[in-house]
N, C-alpha and C. Protein backbone atom coordinates (compact mmCIF):
# COMPACT_ATOMS: atom_id res chain seq x y z
N UNK A 1 -110.59 78.73 29.43
CA UNK A 1 -109.18 79.10 30.43
C UNK A 1 -108.20 79.63 30.01
N UNK A 2 -108.09 79.47 28.24
CA UNK A 2 -107.14 79.98 27.18
C UNK A 2 -107.09 81.33 27.25
N UNK A 3 -107.88 82.36 27.74
CA UNK A 3 -108.76 83.38 27.85
C UNK A 3 -108.17 84.16 29.16
N UNK A 4 -108.16 83.25 30.23
CA UNK A 4 -107.30 83.26 31.29
C UNK A 4 -106.13 83.91 31.29
N UNK A 5 -105.37 82.65 30.68
CA UNK A 5 -104.27 82.78 30.82
C UNK A 5 -103.49 83.97 29.60
N UNK A 6 -104.42 84.22 28.71
CA UNK A 6 -104.03 84.93 27.69
C UNK A 6 -104.21 86.79 28.94
N UNK A 7 -104.81 86.85 29.43
CA UNK A 7 -104.96 87.80 30.35
C UNK A 7 -103.61 88.05 31.21
N UNK A 8 -103.35 87.14 31.51
CA UNK A 8 -101.88 87.61 32.48
C UNK A 8 -100.65 87.64 31.72
N UNK A 9 -100.94 87.38 30.23
CA UNK A 9 -99.41 87.42 28.99
C UNK A 9 -99.25 89.04 29.16
N UNK A 10 -98.13 89.45 29.25
CA UNK A 10 -97.48 90.96 29.06
C UNK A 10 -97.62 91.17 28.01
N UNK A 11 -98.00 92.68 27.41
CA UNK A 11 -98.39 93.23 26.46
C UNK A 11 -97.29 93.66 25.60
N UNK A 12 -96.22 94.42 26.35
CA UNK A 12 -95.21 94.92 25.15
C UNK A 12 -93.91 94.31 25.82
N UNK A 13 -92.62 94.45 25.65
CA UNK A 13 -91.49 94.04 25.91
C UNK A 13 -91.18 94.87 27.39
N UNK A 14 -91.69 96.07 27.32
CA UNK A 14 -91.33 96.71 28.45
C UNK A 14 -92.01 96.08 29.28
N UNK A 15 -93.38 95.80 29.46
CA UNK A 15 -93.93 94.55 30.47
C UNK A 15 -93.08 93.39 30.93
N UNK A 16 -92.45 92.89 29.57
CA UNK A 16 -91.78 91.61 29.79
C UNK A 16 -90.48 92.20 30.92
N UNK A 17 -89.97 93.29 30.47
CA UNK A 17 -88.21 93.32 31.16
C UNK A 17 -88.67 94.84 32.26
N UNK A 18 -90.12 94.82 32.67
CA UNK A 18 -90.39 95.69 33.73
C UNK A 18 -89.93 95.72 35.15
N UNK A 19 -89.00 94.49 35.44
CA UNK A 19 -88.92 93.63 36.93
C UNK A 19 -87.70 93.30 36.89
N UNK A 20 -86.91 93.44 35.45
CA UNK A 20 -85.52 93.28 35.73
C UNK A 20 -84.45 93.95 35.63
N UNK A 21 -83.40 93.65 36.11
CA UNK A 21 -82.45 95.10 36.56
C UNK A 21 -81.26 94.57 35.29
N UNK A 22 -81.47 95.50 34.19
CA UNK A 22 -80.57 95.01 33.16
C UNK A 22 -79.72 96.27 33.37
N UNK A 23 -78.19 95.81 32.79
CA UNK A 23 -77.01 96.98 33.02
C UNK A 23 -77.14 97.43 31.45
N UNK A 24 -76.31 98.44 31.49
CA UNK A 24 -76.42 99.30 30.16
C UNK A 24 -76.47 98.81 28.80
N UNK A 25 -75.25 97.52 28.77
CA UNK A 25 -74.65 97.06 27.92
C UNK A 25 -75.52 95.96 27.37
N UNK A 26 -76.49 95.53 27.94
CA UNK A 26 -77.98 94.49 27.73
C UNK A 26 -78.72 95.63 27.18
N UNK A 27 -79.11 96.66 27.83
CA UNK A 27 -80.22 97.57 27.20
C UNK A 27 -79.55 97.73 25.56
N UNK A 28 -78.14 98.38 25.38
CA UNK A 28 -77.45 98.44 24.34
C UNK A 28 -78.22 97.65 23.25
N UNK A 29 -77.87 96.09 23.36
CA UNK A 29 -77.57 94.88 22.57
C UNK A 29 -79.57 94.64 22.34
N UNK A 30 -80.11 94.89 23.11
CA UNK A 30 -81.72 94.66 22.97
C UNK A 30 -82.33 95.67 21.89
N UNK A 31 -81.87 97.10 22.09
CA UNK A 31 -82.33 98.26 21.30
C UNK A 31 -81.53 97.67 19.60
N UNK A 32 -80.14 97.65 19.56
CA UNK A 32 -79.53 97.15 18.32
C UNK A 32 -80.06 95.89 17.60
N UNK A 33 -80.52 95.09 18.95
CA UNK A 33 -81.38 93.89 17.86
C UNK A 33 -82.65 94.04 17.17
N UNK A 34 -83.35 95.12 17.90
CA UNK A 34 -84.70 95.78 17.36
C UNK A 34 -84.44 96.36 16.52
N UNK A 35 -83.47 96.85 15.98
CA UNK A 35 -83.26 98.01 15.18
C UNK A 35 -84.06 99.40 15.29
N UNK A 36 -83.49 99.65 16.72
CA UNK A 36 -83.79 100.76 17.12
C UNK A 36 -83.05 102.31 17.04
N UNK A 37 -81.51 101.26 17.37
CA UNK A 37 -80.63 102.38 17.56
C UNK A 37 -80.36 102.92 15.93
N UNK A 38 -79.82 104.32 15.91
CA UNK A 38 -80.09 104.94 14.91
C UNK A 38 -78.34 105.37 14.48
N UNK A 39 -77.83 105.03 13.74
CA UNK A 39 -76.11 105.54 13.71
C UNK A 39 -76.01 106.75 14.05
N UNK A 40 -74.95 107.35 14.56
CA UNK A 40 -74.99 108.65 14.87
C UNK A 40 -73.65 108.83 13.06
N UNK A 41 -73.70 109.56 12.53
CA UNK A 41 -72.78 110.21 11.75
C UNK A 41 -71.61 111.38 12.69
N UNK A 42 -70.23 111.17 12.28
CA UNK A 42 -69.85 112.39 12.92
C UNK A 42 -68.89 112.89 12.08
N UNK A 43 -68.79 114.15 12.41
CA UNK A 43 -68.01 115.03 11.47
C UNK A 43 -66.57 114.57 11.56
N UNK A 44 -65.59 115.17 10.88
CA UNK A 44 -64.21 115.02 11.16
C UNK A 44 -63.86 115.74 12.33
N UNK A 45 -64.57 116.35 12.83
CA UNK A 45 -63.58 117.72 14.35
C UNK A 45 -64.30 116.84 15.34
N UNK A 46 -65.41 115.38 14.85
CA UNK A 46 -65.56 114.71 16.22
C UNK A 46 -66.68 115.19 16.89
N UNK A 47 -67.46 116.06 16.05
CA UNK A 47 -68.73 116.90 16.70
C UNK A 47 -69.78 116.06 15.86
N UNK A 48 -71.14 116.30 16.56
CA UNK A 48 -72.43 115.35 15.73
C UNK A 48 -72.73 116.07 14.80
N UNK A 49 -73.41 115.76 13.48
CA UNK A 49 -73.27 116.35 12.06
C UNK A 49 -75.19 116.79 12.33
N UNK A 50 -75.64 115.97 13.24
CA UNK A 50 -76.73 116.70 13.22
C UNK A 50 -76.66 118.09 13.89
N UNK A 51 -75.66 118.10 14.71
CA UNK A 51 -76.11 119.57 15.36
C UNK A 51 -75.44 120.85 14.74
N UNK A 52 -75.18 120.30 13.77
CA UNK A 52 -74.44 121.45 12.73
C UNK A 52 -75.46 122.13 11.62
């Protein structure tokens, strides 16, 4: 019986949230909590440092 319940369990976070309507703010919060956000370094003129 445990194997049957495990077969229905979502495999990834994407599977868990597949059918949910998340706001952009909720998505940003999930990404930040998971540590997937990479801070962008800005130059003094406001352009992206990676583009230089």
